PDB file of N, CA and C in Angstrom:
ATOM      1  N   UNK A   1     109.122 106.169 107.833  1.00  0.00           N
ATOM      2  CA  UNK A   1     108.213 105.126 107.382  1.00  0.00           C
ATOM      3  C   UNK A   1     109.376 103.996 106.849  1.00  0.00           C
ATOM      4  N   UNK A   2     109.105 102.761 106.501  1.00  0.00           N
ATOM      5  CA  UNK A   2     110.044 102.083 106.493  1.00  0.00           C
ATOM      6  C   UNK A   2     110.490 102.311 104.848  1.00  0.00           C
ATOM      7  N   UNK A   3     111.904 101.814 104.647  1.00  0.00           N
ATOM      8  CA  UNK A   3     112.335 102.526 103.070  1.00  0.00           C
ATOM      9  C   UNK A   3     113.130 101.413 102.591  1.00  0.00           C
ATOM     10  N   UNK A   4     113.140 100.949 101.535  1.00  0.00           N
ATOM     11  CA  UNK A   4     113.795  99.659 100.799  1.00  0.00           C
ATOM     12  C   UNK A   4     114.131 100.073  99.439  1.00  0.00           C
ATOM     13  N   UNK A   5     115.478 100.019  99.086  1.00  0.00           N
ATOM     14  CA  UNK A   5     116.422 100.102  97.819  1.00  0.00           C
ATOM     15  C   UNK A   5     116.211  99.124  97.033  1.00  0.00           C
ATOM     16  N   UNK A   6     115.539  98.830  95.953  1.00  0.00           N
ATOM     17  CA  UNK A   6     115.283  98.300  95.018  1.00  0.00           C
ATOM     18  C   UNK A   6     116.414  98.446  93.633  1.00  0.00           C
ATOM     19  N   UNK A   7     117.061  97.914  93.607  1.00  0.00           N
ATOM     20  CA  UNK A   7     117.735  97.695  91.864  1.00  0.00           C
ATOM     21  C   UNK A   7     117.400  96.625  91.251  1.00  0.00           C
ATOM     22  N   UNK A   8     116.885  97.267  89.570  1.00  0.00           N
ATOM     23  CA  UNK A   8     116.015  96.275  88.850  1.00  0.00           C
ATOM     24  C   UNK A   8     117.553  96.409  87.845  1.00  0.00           C
ATOM     25  N   UNK A   9     117.885  95.282  87.939  1.00  0.00           N
ATOM     26  CA  UNK A   9     119.323  94.561  87.344  1.00  0.00           C
ATOM     27  C   UNK A   9     119.099  94.597  86.042  1.00  0.00           C
ATOM     28  N   UNK A  10     118.498  93.537  85.831  1.00  0.00           N
ATOM     29  CA  UNK A  10     118.427  92.545  84.202  1.00  0.00           C
ATOM     30  C   UNK A  10     117.433  91.539  84.453  1.00  0.00           C
ATOM     31  N   UNK A  11     116.868  91.212  83.238  1.00  0.00           N
ATOM     32  CA  UNK A  11     115.784  90.329  82.655  1.00  0.00           C
ATOM     33  C   UNK A  11     116.272  89.202  82.151  1.00  0.00           C
ATOM     34  N   UNK A  12     116.111  88.401  81.955  1.00  0.00           N
ATOM     35  CA  UNK A  12     116.820  86.843  80.816  1.00  0.00           C
ATOM     36  C   UNK A  12     115.713  86.148  80.331  1.00  0.00           C
ATOM     37  N   UNK A  13     115.749  85.763  78.801  1.00  0.00           N
ATOM     38  CA  UNK A  13     115.131  84.734  78.384  1.00  0.00           C
ATOM     39  C   UNK A  13     113.337  85.364  77.945  1.00  0.00           C
ATOM     40  N   UNK A  14     112.984  86.624  78.153  1.00  0.00           N
ATOM     41  CA  UNK A  14     112.107  87.251  77.888  1.00  0.00           C
ATOM     42  C   UNK A  14     111.618  86.594  76.345  1.00  0.00           C
ATOM     43  N   UNK A  15     109.743  86.629  76.463  1.00  0.00           N
ATOM     44  CA  UNK A  15     109.237  86.053  75.631  1.00  0.00           C
ATOM     45  C   UNK A  15     109.441  86.921  74.224  1.00  0.00           C
ATOM     46  N   UNK A  16     109.291  86.844  72.843  1.00  0.00           N
ATOM     47  CA  UNK A  16     109.088  87.479  71.751  1.00  0.00           C
ATOM     48  C   UNK A  16     107.240  88.246  71.913  1.00  0.00           C
ATOM     49  N   UNK A  17     107.482  89.290  72.071  1.00  0.00           N
ATOM     50  CA  UNK A  17     105.910  90.082  71.712  1.00  0.00           C
ATOM     51  C   UNK A  17     105.752  90.561  70.593  1.00  0.00           C
ATOM     52  N   UNK A  18     106.803  91.172  69.697  1.00  0.00           N
ATOM     53  CA  UNK A  18     106.897  92.245  68.479  1.00  0.00           C
ATOM     54  C   UNK A  18     107.569  90.897  67.848  1.00  0.00           C
ATOM     55  N   UNK A  19     107.550  91.750  66.076  1.00  0.00           N
ATOM     56  CA  UNK A  19     108.177  90.299  65.218  1.00  0.00           C
ATOM     57  C   UNK A  19     108.790  89.577  65.561  1.00  0.00           C
ATOM     58  N   UNK A  20     110.425  90.619  66.413  1.00  0.00           N
ATOM     59  CA  UNK A  20     111.123  89.606  66.605  1.00  0.00           C
ATOM     60  C   UNK A  20     112.059  89.497  67.630  1.00  0.00           C
ATOM     61  N   UNK A  21     111.042  90.850  68.670  1.00  0.00           N
ATOM     62  CA  UNK A  21     111.631  90.856  69.519  1.00  0.00           C
ATOM     63  C   UNK A  21     111.048  91.533  70.900  1.00  0.00           C
ATOM     64  N   UNK A  22     111.374  92.225  72.276  1.00  0.00           N
ATOM     65  CA  UNK A  22     110.371  92.899  72.792  1.00  0.00           C
ATOM     66  C   UNK A  22     111.062  94.541  73.181  1.00  0.00           C
ATOM     67  N   UNK A  23     110.023  95.292  73.842  1.00  0.00           N
ATOM     68  CA  UNK A  23     110.687  96.286  74.100  1.00  0.00           C
ATOM     69  C   UNK A  23     110.453  96.575  75.847  1.00  0.00           C
ATOM     70  N   UNK A  24     110.892  95.608  76.100  1.00  0.00           N
ATOM     71  CA  UNK A  24     110.407  95.328  77.821  1.00  0.00           C
ATOM     72  C   UNK A  24     110.940  96.753  79.084  1.00  0.00           C
ATOM     73  N   UNK A  25     109.858  96.649  79.490  1.00  0.00           N
ATOM     74  CA  UNK A  25     109.880  97.742  81.276  1.00  0.00           C
ATOM     75  C   UNK A  25     109.659  97.062  82.030  1.00  0.00           C
ATOM     76  N   UNK A  26     109.804  97.467  83.261  1.00  0.00           N
ATOM     77  CA  UNK A  26     109.176  96.879  84.538  1.00  0.00           C
ATOM     78  C   UNK A  26     108.839  97.952  85.621  1.00  0.00           C
ATOM     79  N   UNK A  27     107.285  97.521  85.560  1.00  0.00           N
ATOM     80  CA  UNK A  27     106.365  98.261  86.668  1.00  0.00           C
ATOM     81  C   UNK A  27     106.931  97.722  87.974  1.00  0.00           C
ATOM     82  N   UNK A  28     107.150  98.445  88.909  1.00  0.00           N
ATOM     83  CA  UNK A  28     107.106  97.990  90.482  1.00  0.00           C
ATOM     84  C   UNK A  28     106.076  98.530  91.087  1.00  0.00           C
ATOM     85  N   UNK A  29     104.824  97.341  91.240  1.00  0.00           N
ATOM     86  CA  UNK A  29     103.836  97.585  92.192  1.00  0.00           C
ATOM     87  C   UNK A  29     104.066  97.725  94.128  1.00  0.00           C
ATOM     88  N   UNK A  30     103.714  98.683  94.299  1.00  0.00           N
ATOM     89  CA  UNK A  30     103.887  99.044  95.559  1.00  0.00           C
ATOM     90  C   UNK A  30     102.366  98.853  96.253  1.00  0.00           C
ATOM     91  N   UNK A  31     102.183  99.192  97.633  1.00  0.00           N
ATOM     92  CA  UNK A  31     100.740  99.177  98.147  1.00  0.00           C
ATOM     93  C   UNK A  31     100.434 100.620  98.023  1.00  0.00           C
ATOM     94  N   UNK A  32     101.138 101.371  97.662  1.00  0.00           N
ATOM     95  CA  UNK A  32     100.883 103.425  97.475  1.00  0.00           C
ATOM     96  C   UNK A  32     101.253 103.715  96.066  1.00  0.00           C
ATOM     97  N   UNK A  33     102.381 103.504  95.129  1.00  0.00           N
ATOM     98  CA  UNK A  33     102.837 103.672  94.101  1.00  0.00           C
ATOM     99  C   UNK A  33     103.320 102.905  93.501  1.00  0.00           C
ATOM    100  N   UNK A  34     103.170 103.133  91.796  1.00  0.00           N
ATOM    101  CA  UNK A  34     103.452 102.458  91.245  1.00  0.00           C
ATOM    102  C   UNK A  34     104.896 103.110  90.532  1.00  0.00           C
ATOM    103  N   UNK A  35     106.066 102.602  89.829  1.00  0.00           N
ATOM    104  CA  UNK A  35     107.301 102.868  89.812  1.00  0.00           C
ATOM    105  C   UNK A  35     107.747 102.200  88.127  1.00  0.00           C
ATOM    106  N   UNK A  36     108.380 102.536  87.648  1.00  0.00           N
ATOM    107  CA  UNK A  36     108.353 102.097  86.083  1.00  0.00           C
ATOM    108  C   UNK A  36     109.659 102.422  85.467  1.00  0.00           C
ATOM    109  N   UNK A  37     110.829 101.434  85.077  1.00  0.00           N
ATOM    110  CA  UNK A  37     111.877 101.541  84.230  1.00  0.00           C
ATOM    111  C   UNK A  37     111.754 102.266  83.128  1.00  0.00           C
ATOM    112  N   UNK A  38     113.011 102.186  82.681  1.00  0.00           N
ATOM    113  CA  UNK A  38     113.057 103.443  81.144  1.00  0.00           C
ATOM    114  C   UNK A  38     112.404 101.583  80.690  1.00  0.00           C
ATOM    115  N   UNK A  39     112.407 102.253  79.448  1.00  0.00           N
ATOM    116  CA  UNK A  39     112.082 100.917  78.069  1.00  0.00           C
ATOM    117  C   UNK A  39     113.414 100.738  77.494  1.00  0.00           C
ATOM    118  N   UNK A  40     113.743  99.431  77.324  1.00  0.00           N
ATOM    119  CA  UNK A  40     114.692  99.053  76.495  1.00  0.00           C
ATOM    120  C   UNK A  40     114.204  98.504  75.473  1.00  0.00           C
ATOM    121  N   UNK A  41     114.805  98.962  73.749  1.00  0.00           N
ATOM    122  CA  UNK A  41     114.449  98.582  72.642  1.00  0.00           C
ATOM    123  C   UNK A  41     115.116  97.074  71.979  1.00  0.00           C
ATOM    124  N   UNK A  42     114.032  96.806  71.609  1.00  0.00           N
ATOM    125  CA  UNK A  42     114.567  95.447  71.165  1.00  0.00           C
ATOM    126  C   UNK A  42     115.322  94.156  71.694  1.00  0.00           C
ATOM    127  N   UNK A  43     115.109  93.581  72.884  1.00  0.00           N
ATOM    128  CA  UNK A  43     115.981  93.040  73.492  1.00  0.00           C
ATOM    129  C   UNK A  43     115.087  91.954  74.145  1.00  0.00           C
ATOM    130  N   UNK A  44     115.252  90.909  74.420  1.00  0.00           N
ATOM    131  CA  UNK A  44     114.962  89.624  74.795  1.00  0.00           C
ATOM    132  C   UNK A  44     115.432  89.298  76.214  1.00  0.00           C
ATOM    133  N   UNK A  45     116.802  90.370  76.678  1.00  0.00           N
ATOM    134  CA  UNK A  45     117.627  90.050  78.212  1.00  0.00           C
ATOM    135  C   UNK A  45     117.791  91.675  78.504  1.00  0.00           C
ATOM    136  N   UNK A  46     117.157  92.535  78.787  1.00  0.00           N
ATOM    137  CA  UNK A  46     117.633  93.714  79.093  1.00  0.00           C
ATOM    138  C   UNK A  46     118.060  93.992  80.026  1.00  0.00           C
ATOM    139  N   UNK A  47     119.021  95.292  80.286  1.00  0.00           N
ATOM    140  CA  UNK A  47     119.454  95.479  81.321  1.00  0.00           C
ATOM    141  C   UNK A  47     119.429  96.545  81.866  1.00  0.00           C
ATOM    142  N   UNK A  48     118.741  97.186  83.012  1.00  0.00           N
ATOM    143  CA  UNK A  48     118.757  98.199  83.644  1.00  0.00           C
ATOM    144  C   UNK A  48     119.375  99.249  84.123  1.00  0.00           C
ATOM    145  N   UNK A  49     119.530  98.615  85.447  1.00  0.00           N
ATOM    146  CA  UNK A  49     120.504  98.790  86.401  1.00  0.00           C
ATOM    147  C   UNK A  49     119.749 100.104  86.908  1.00  0.00           C
ATOM    148  N   UNK A  50     118.463 100.231  87.069  1.00  0.00           N
ATOM    149  CA  UNK A  50     118.003 101.267  88.026  1.00  0.00           C
ATOM    150  C   UNK A  50     117.303 101.185  89.502  1.00  0.00           C
ATOM    151  N   UNK A  51     117.938 102.037  90.014  1.00  0.00           N
ATOM    152  CA  UNK A  51     117.194 102.174  91.554  1.00  0.00           C
ATOM    153  C   UNK A  51     116.082 102.923  91.964  1.00  0.00           C
ATOM    154  N   UNK A  52     115.186 102.288  92.840  1.00  0.00           N
ATOM    155  CA  UNK A  52     114.314 102.632  93.616  1.00  0.00           C
ATOM    156  C   UNK A  52     114.337 102.348  94.988  1.00  0.00           C
ATOM    157  N   UNK A  53     113.971 103.802  95.719  1.00  0.00           N
ATOM    158  CA  UNK A  53     113.309 103.712  96.750  1.00  0.00           C
ATOM    159  C   UNK A  53     112.030 103.801  97.230  1.00  0.00           C
ATOM    160  N   UNK A  54     111.214 102.698  97.980  1.00  0.00           N
ATOM    161  CA  UNK A  54     110.137 102.541  98.095  1.00  0.00           C
ATOM    162  C   UNK A  54     109.776 102.353  99.746  1.00  0.00           C
ATOM    163  N   UNK A  55     108.411 103.265  99.763  1.00  0.00           N
ATOM    164  CA  UNK A  55     108.435 102.817 101.295  1.00  0.00           C
ATOM    165  C   UNK A  55     107.277 102.431 101.500  1.00  0.00           C
ATOM    166  N   UNK A  56     107.317 101.418 102.253  1.00  0.00           N
ATOM    167  CA  UNK A  56     106.463 100.379 102.818  1.00  0.00           C
ATOM    168  C   UNK A  56     106.168 100.433 103.983  1.00  0.00           C
ATOM    169  N   UNK A  57     104.873 100.313 104.594  1.00  0.00           N
ATOM    170  CA  UNK A  57     104.579 100.575 105.568  1.00  0.00           C
ATOM    171  C   UNK A  57     104.358  99.679 106.731  1.00  0.00           C
ATOM    172  N   UNK A  58     104.641  98.301 106.207  1.00  0.00           N
ATOM    173  CA  UNK A  58     104.912  97.387 106.874  1.00  0.00           C
ATOM    174  C   UNK A  58     105.947  95.830 106.837  1.00  0.00           C
ATOM    175  N   UNK A  59     107.053  96.277 106.841  1.00  0.00           N
ATOM    176  CA  UNK A  59     108.174  95.052 106.181  1.00  0.00           C
ATOM    177  C   UNK A  59     107.604  93.437 106.559  1.00  0.00           C
ATOM    178  N   UNK A  60     106.588  93.132 107.697  1.00  0.00           N
ATOM    179  CA  UNK A  60     105.964  91.851 107.802  1.00  0.00           C
ATOM    180  C   UNK A  60     105.069  91.707 106.607  1.00  0.00           C
ATOM    181  N   UNK A  61     104.371  92.548 106.416  1.00  0.00           N
ATOM    182  CA  UNK A  61     102.894  92.392 105.613  1.00  0.00           C
ATOM    183  C   UNK A  61     102.801  92.993 104.393  1.00  0.00           C
ATOM    184  N   UNK A  62     103.662  93.818 103.855  1.00  0.00           N
ATOM    185  CA  UNK A  62     103.895  94.669 102.725  1.00  0.00           C
ATOM    186  C   UNK A  62     104.580  93.898 101.487  1.00  0.00           C
ATOM    187  N   UNK A  63     103.612  93.370 100.624  1.00  0.00           N
ATOM    188  CA  UNK A  63     104.239  92.967  99.018  1.00  0.00           C
ATOM    189  C   UNK A  63     104.567  93.737  97.887  1.00  0.00           C
ATOM    190  N   UNK A  64     105.293  93.456  97.075  1.00  0.00           N
ATOM    191  CA  UNK A  64     105.890  94.440  96.178  1.00  0.00           C
ATOM    192  C   UNK A  64     105.518  93.468  94.560  1.00  0.00           C
ATOM    193  N   UNK A  65     104.975  94.302  93.571  1.00  0.00           N
ATOM    194  CA  UNK A  65     104.925  93.242  92.650  1.00  0.00           C
ATOM    195  C   UNK A  65     105.544  93.944  91.680  1.00  0.00           C
ATOM    196  N   UNK A  66     106.482  92.945  90.434  1.00  0.00           N
ATOM    197  CA  UNK A  66     107.150  93.248  89.383  1.00  0.00           C
ATOM    198  C   UNK A  66     106.336  92.799  88.218  1.00  0.00           C
ATOM    199  N   UNK A  67     105.926  93.826  87.310  1.00  0.00           N
ATOM    200  CA  UNK A  67     105.385  93.552  86.564  1.00  0.00           C
ATOM    201  C   UNK A  67     106.740  94.001  84.828  1.00  0.00           C
ATOM    202  N   UNK A  68     107.226  92.519  84.198  1.00  0.00           N
ATOM    203  CA  UNK A  68     107.634  93.237  83.125  1.00  0.00           C
ATOM    204  C   UNK A  68     106.714  93.043  82.071  1.00  0.00           C
ATOM    205  N   UNK A  69     106.711  94.099  80.912  1.00  0.00           N
ATOM    206  CA  UNK A  69     105.693  94.459  79.914  1.00  0.00           C
ATOM    207  C   UNK A  69     106.654  95.303  78.707  1.00  0.00           C
ATOM    208  N   UNK A  70     105.903  94.618  77.727  1.00  0.00           N
ATOM    209  CA  UNK A  70     106.788  94.977  76.506  1.00  0.00           C
ATOM    210  C   UNK A  70     105.861  96.349  76.047  1.00  0.00           C
ATOM    211  N   UNK A  71     106.593  97.250  75.665  1.00  0.00           N
ATOM    212  CA  UNK A  71     105.945  98.547  75.365  1.00  0.00           C
ATOM    213  C   UNK A  71     105.441  98.461  73.702  1.00  0.00           C
ATOM    214  N   UNK A  72     104.265  99.064  73.603  1.00  0.00           N
ATOM    215  CA  UNK A  72     103.815  98.517  72.354  1.00  0.00           C
ATOM    216  C   UNK A  72     103.835 100.403  71.843  1.00  0.00           C
ATOM    217  N   UNK A  73     103.525 100.958  71.065  1.00  0.00           N
ATOM    218  CA  UNK A  73     103.059 102.332  70.279  1.00  0.00           C
ATOM    219  C   UNK A  73     101.772 102.600  69.947  1.00  0.00           C
ATOM    220  N   UNK A  74     101.031 101.267  69.679  1.00  0.00           N
ATOM    221  CA  UNK A  74      99.765 101.340  68.916  1.00  0.00           C
ATOM    222  C   UNK A  74      98.780 100.225  69.232  1.00  0.00           C
ATOM    223  N   UNK A  75      99.241 100.000  70.600  1.00  0.00           N
ATOM    224  CA  UNK A  75      98.045  99.154  71.328  1.00  0.00           C
ATOM    225  C   UNK A  75      98.480  98.702  72.677  1.00  0.00           C
ATOM    226  N   UNK A  76      97.748  98.351  73.570  1.00  0.00           N
ATOM    227  CA  UNK A  76      98.095  98.056  75.164  1.00  0.00           C
ATOM    228  C   UNK A  76      99.420  97.738  75.049  1.00  0.00           C
ATOM    229  N   UNK A  77     100.491  97.439  76.090  1.00  0.00           N
ATOM    230  CA  UNK A  77     101.677  97.209  76.471  1.00  0.00           C
ATOM    231  C   UNK A  77     100.908  95.298  76.642  1.00  0.00           C
ATOM    232  N   UNK A  78     102.111  94.893  76.271  1.00  0.00           N
ATOM    233  CA  UNK A  78     101.568  93.187  76.657  1.00  0.00           C
ATOM    234  C   UNK A  78     102.379  93.030  77.758  1.00  0.00           C
ATOM    235  N   UNK A  79     101.742  92.035  78.525  1.00  0.00           N
ATOM    236  CA  UNK A  79     102.393  91.456  80.254  1.00  0.00           C
ATOM    237  C   UNK A  79     103.626  90.513  79.373  1.00  0.00           C
ATOM    238  N   UNK A  80     104.515  90.582  80.096  1.00  0.00           N
ATOM    239  CA  UNK A  80     105.968  89.256  79.434  1.00  0.00           C
ATOM    240  C   UNK A  80     105.951  88.467  80.703  1.00  0.00           C
ATOM    241  N   UNK A  81     105.085  88.724  82.139  1.00  0.00           N
ATOM    242  CA  UNK A  81     105.347  87.763  83.211  1.00  0.00           C
ATOM    243  C   UNK A  81     105.786  88.980  84.340  1.00  0.00           C
ATOM    244  N   UNK A  82     105.439  88.290  85.224  1.00  0.00           N
ATOM    245  CA  UNK A  82     105.768  89.082  86.922  1.00  0.00           C
ATOM    246  C   UNK A  82     106.040  88.119  88.010  1.00  0.00           C
ATOM    247  N   UNK A  83     106.398  88.554  88.846  1.00  0.00           N
ATOM    248  CA  UNK A  83     106.773  87.905  90.014  1.00  0.00           C
ATOM    249  C   UNK A  83     106.427  89.235  91.302  1.00  0.00           C
ATOM    250  N   UNK A  84     106.930  88.392  92.327  1.00  0.00           N
ATOM    251  CA  UNK A  84     106.254  89.159  93.648  1.00  0.00           C
ATOM    252  C   UNK A  84     107.397  88.672  94.767  1.00  0.00           C
ATOM    253  N   UNK A  85     107.958  89.802  95.637  1.00  0.00           N
ATOM    254  CA  UNK A  85     108.306  89.728  96.502  1.00  0.00           C
ATOM    255  C   UNK A  85     107.110  89.617  98.056  1.00  0.00           C
ATOM    256  N   UNK A  86     106.975  88.654  98.311  1.00  0.00           N
ATOM    257  CA  UNK A  86     105.875  88.822  99.466  1.00  0.00           C
ATOM    258  C   UNK A  86     105.851  89.536 100.845  1.00  0.00           C
ATOM    259  N   UNK A  87     107.174  89.614 101.366  1.00  0.00           N
ATOM    260  CA  UNK A  87     107.086  90.253 102.928  1.00  0.00           C
ATOM    261  C   UNK A  87     108.801  90.266 102.449  1.00  0.00           C
ATOM    262  N   UNK A  88     109.234  91.253 103.545  1.00  0.00           N
ATOM    263  CA  UNK A  88     110.586  91.626 103.593  1.00  0.00           C
ATOM    264  C   UNK A  88     111.245  91.469 104.859  1.00  0.00           C
ATOM    265  N   UNK A  89     110.315  90.578 105.932  1.00  0.00           N
ATOM    266  CA  UNK A  89     110.696  90.021 106.839  1.00  0.00           C
ATOM    267  C   UNK A  89     112.333  89.121 107.301  1.00  0.00           C
ATOM    268  N   UNK A  90     112.159  88.577 106.021  1.00  0.00           N
ATOM    269  CA  UNK A  90     113.331  87.990 106.389  1.00  0.00           C
ATOM    270  C   UNK A  90     114.922  88.693 106.053  1.00  0.00           C
ATOM    271  N   UNK A  91     114.672  90.124 105.337  1.00  0.00           N
ATOM    272  CA  UNK A  91     115.822  91.034 104.708  1.00  0.00           C
ATOM    273  C   UNK A  91     116.005  91.517 105.973  1.00  0.00           C
ATOM    274  N   UNK A  92     117.676  91.329 105.919  1.00  0.00           N
ATOM    275  CA  UNK A  92     118.353  92.395 106.933  1.00  0.00           C
ATOM    276  C   UNK A  92     119.050  93.948 106.834  1.00  0.00           C
ATOM    277  N   UNK A  93     118.747  94.668 107.486  1.00  0.00           N
ATOM    278  CA  UNK A  93     118.832  96.161 107.545  1.00  0.00           C
ATOM    279  C   UNK A  93     120.657  96.459 106.680  1.00  0.00           C
ATOM    280  N   UNK A  94     120.415  96.999 105.630  1.00  0.00           N
ATOM    281  CA  UNK A  94     121.563  97.730 105.243  1.00  0.00           C
ATOM    282  C   UNK A  94     122.543  96.029 104.493  1.00  0.00           C
ATOM    283  N   UNK A  95     121.696  95.213 104.357  1.00  0.00           N
ATOM    284  CA  UNK A  95     122.783  94.451 104.159  1.00  0.00           C
ATOM    285  C   UNK A  95     122.198  94.030 102.358  1.00  0.00           C
ATOM    286  N   UNK A  96     122.660  93.915 101.282  1.00  0.00           N
ATOM    287  CA  UNK A  96     122.217  93.590 100.224  1.00  0.00           C
ATOM    288  C   UNK A  96     121.740  91.982  99.936  1.00  0.00           C
ATOM    289  N   UNK A  97     120.479  91.928  99.256  1.00  0.00           N
ATOM    290  CA  UNK A  97     120.060  90.319  98.760  1.00  0.00           C
ATOM    291  C   UNK A  97     119.805  90.394  97.746  1.00  0.00           C
ATOM    292  N   UNK A  98     120.728  89.773  96.809  1.00  0.00           N
ATOM    293  CA  UNK A  98     120.593  89.570  95.140  1.00  0.00           C
ATOM    294  C   UNK A  98     119.493  87.986  94.770  1.00  0.00           C
ATOM    295  N   UNK A  99     118.655  88.714  94.480  1.00  0.00           N
ATOM    296  CA  UNK A  99     117.560  87.644  93.759  1.00  0.00           C
ATOM    297  C   UNK A  99     117.540  87.276  92.513  1.00  0.00           C
ATOM    298  N   UNK A 100     116.888  86.421  91.784  1.00  0.00           N
ATOM    299  CA  UNK A 100     116.588  85.989  90.678  1.00  0.00           C
ATOM    300  C   UNK A 100     115.483  85.312  90.621  1.00  0.00           C
ATOM    301  N   UNK A 101     114.246  86.644  90.379  1.00  0.00           N
ATOM    302  CA  UNK A 101     113.296  85.666  90.460  1.00  0.00           C
ATOM    303  C   UNK A 101     112.230  85.118  88.896  1.00  0.00           C
ATOM    304  N   UNK A 102     111.804  84.006  89.226  1.00  0.00           N
ATOM    305  CA  UNK A 102     111.161  83.523  88.287  1.00  0.00           C
ATOM    306  C   UNK A 102     110.007  84.288  87.643  1.00  0.00           C
ATOM    307  N   UNK A 103     110.002  84.582  86.291  1.00  0.00           N
ATOM    308  CA  UNK A 103     108.641  85.355  86.083  1.00  0.00           C
ATOM    309  C   UNK A 103     107.176  84.312  86.009  1.00  0.00           C
ATOM    310  N   UNK A 104     106.447  84.678  86.753  1.00  0.00           N
ATOM    311  CA  UNK A 104     105.048  83.709  86.162  1.00  0.00           C
ATOM    312  C   UNK A 104     104.649  84.167  85.255  1.00  0.00           C
ATOM    313  N   UNK A 105     103.772  83.277  84.716  1.00  0.00           N
ATOM    314  CA  UNK A 105     102.854  83.883  83.637  1.00  0.00           C
ATOM    315  C   UNK A 105     103.478  84.438  82.183  1.00  0.00           C
ATOM    316  N   UNK A 106     104.816  83.946  82.353  1.00  0.00           N
ATOM    317  CA  UNK A 106     105.459  84.045  81.012  1.00  0.00           C
ATOM    318  C   UNK A 106     105.427  82.412  80.447  1.00  0.00           C
ATOM    319  N   UNK A 107     106.150  82.677  79.037  1.00  0.00           N
ATOM    320  CA  UNK A 107     105.889  81.168  77.806  1.00  0.00           C
ATOM    321  C   UNK A 107     107.061  81.362  77.718  1.00  0.00           C
ATOM    322  N   UNK A 108     108.093  81.266  78.436  1.00  0.00           N
ATOM    323  CA  UNK A 108     109.547  81.585  78.107  1.00  0.00           C
ATOM    324  C   UNK A 108     110.392  80.992  79.933  1.00  0.00           C
ATOM    325  N   UNK A 109     111.078  80.231  80.101  1.00  0.00           N
ATOM    326  CA  UNK A 109     112.075  80.194  81.635  1.00  0.00           C
ATOM    327  C   UNK A 109     112.592  82.010  81.742  1.00  0.00           C
ATOM    328  N   UNK A 110     112.102  82.749  81.737  1.00  0.00           N
ATOM    329  CA  UNK A 110     112.301  84.505  82.089  1.00  0.00           C
ATOM    330  C   UNK A 110     112.533  84.214  83.403  1.00  0.00           C
ATOM    331  N   UNK A 111     113.663  85.435  83.766  1.00  0.00           N
ATOM    332  CA  UNK A 111     113.878  85.664  85.218  1.00  0.00           C
ATOM    333  C   UNK A 111     114.367  87.259  85.385  1.00  0.00           C
ATOM    334  N   UNK A 112     114.260  87.556  86.240  1.00  0.00           N
ATOM    335  CA  UNK A 112     114.459  88.586  86.685  1.00  0.00           C
ATOM    336  C   UNK A 112     115.098  89.075  87.802  1.00  0.00           C
ATOM    337  N   UNK A 113     116.252  89.779  87.763  1.00  0.00           N
ATOM    338  CA  UNK A 113     117.313  90.282  88.711  1.00  0.00           C
ATOM    339  C   UNK A 113     116.814  91.378  89.854  1.00  0.00           C
ATOM    340  N   UNK A 114     117.316  91.050  90.624  1.00  0.00           N
ATOM    341  CA  UNK A 114     117.080  92.083  91.772  1.00  0.00           C
ATOM    342  C   UNK A 114     118.432  92.252  92.717  1.00  0.00           C
ATOM    343  N   UNK A 115     118.155  93.382  93.269  1.00  0.00           N
ATOM    344  CA  UNK A 115     119.583  93.203  94.630  1.00  0.00           C
ATOM    345  C   UNK A 115     118.259  94.360  95.473  1.00  0.00           C
ATOM    346  N   UNK A 116     118.062  93.705  96.687  1.00  0.00           N
ATOM    347  CA  UNK A 116     117.265  94.552  97.794  1.00  0.00           C
ATOM    348  C   UNK A 116     117.700  94.817  98.517  1.00  0.00           C
ATOM    349  N   UNK A 117     117.975  95.921  99.202  1.00  0.00           N
ATOM    350  CA  UNK A 117     118.466  96.791 100.391  1.00  0.00           C
ATOM    351  C   UNK A 117     118.061  97.370 101.443  1.00  0.00           C
ATOM    352  N   UNK A 118     116.944  96.685 102.360  1.00  0.00           N
ATOM    353  CA  UNK A 118     116.517  97.541 103.743  1.00  0.00           C
ATOM    354  C   UNK A 118     117.543  98.658 104.015  1.00  0.00           C
ATOM    355  N   UNK A 119     116.763 100.119 104.001  1.00  0.00           N
ATOM    356  CA  UNK A 119     117.690 101.072 104.165  1.00  0.00           C
ATOM    357  C   UNK A 119     116.975 101.332 105.931  1.00  0.00           C
ATOM    358  N   UNK A 120     115.589 101.591 106.008  1.00  0.00           N
ATOM    359  CA  UNK A 120     115.305 101.441 107.637  1.00  0.00           C
ATOM    360  C   UNK A 120     113.803 100.720 107.508  1.00  0.00           C
ATOM    361  N   UNK A 121     114.023 100.263 108.739  1.00  0.00           N
ATOM    362  CA  UNK A 121     112.909  99.630 109.280  1.00  0.00           C
ATOM    363  C   UNK A 121     112.500 100.112 110.224  1.00  0.00           C
ATOM    364  N   UNK A 122     112.683 101.170 111.175  1.00  0.00           N
ATOM    365  CA  UNK A 122     112.261 101.551 111.948  1.00  0.00           C
ATOM    366  C   UNK A 122     111.662 100.797 113.094  1.00  0.00           C
ATOM    367  N   UNK A 123     111.224 100.996 114.121  1.00  0.00           N
ATOM    368  CA  UNK A 123     110.504  99.912 114.869  1.00  0.00           C
ATOM    369  C   UNK A 123     109.660  98.549 114.259  1.00  0.00           C
ATOM    370  N   UNK A 124     109.336  98.677 113.217  1.00  0.00           N
ATOM    371  CA  UNK A 124     108.428  97.795 112.538  1.00  0.00           C
ATOM    372  C   UNK A 124     108.665  96.423 112.817  1.00  0.00           C
ATOM    373  N   UNK A 125     110.072  95.404 112.810  1.00  0.00           N
ATOM    374  CA  UNK A 125     110.455  94.583 112.773  1.00  0.00           C
ATOM    375  C   UNK A 125     111.419  93.846 114.178  1.00  0.00           C
ATOM    376  N   UNK A 126     111.190  95.103 115.280  1.00  0.00           N
ATOM    377  CA  UNK A 126     111.648  94.400 116.448  1.00  0.00           C
ATOM    378  C   UNK A 126     111.075  93.674 117.206  1.00  0.00           C
ATOM    379  N   UNK A 127     111.140  92.935 117.976  1.00  0.00           N
ATOM    380  CA  UNK A 127     110.587  91.628 118.750  1.00  0.00           C
ATOM    381  C   UNK A 127     109.644  92.704 119.906  1.00  0.00           C
TER     382      UNK A 127
END
């Protein structure tokens, strides 16, 4: 099965969700599984530097959604914004692609920094 390494590097300019800050983390939503970064306490510019190896069935068709949320102890976690990679068709096997994605549905000009490296696409992208 095709494999992609996704490094969640950082986010910038997140909106305040709690009293003075946020406790952000990222959910990585794939067609078959949800991955989650660690929660970074009290920051609007978190740095994670966490790597995830994600199996996708079709690099041309499968998308991955990134939802940045604020962790709350007493209530449901608040969404801070989301971004999406619609397809991996333009990615080159073994090459890092450094991406800054605008977070949609954010009240600030928040961005999510990723490094995406296709590890194995098998025969799915061959002509």
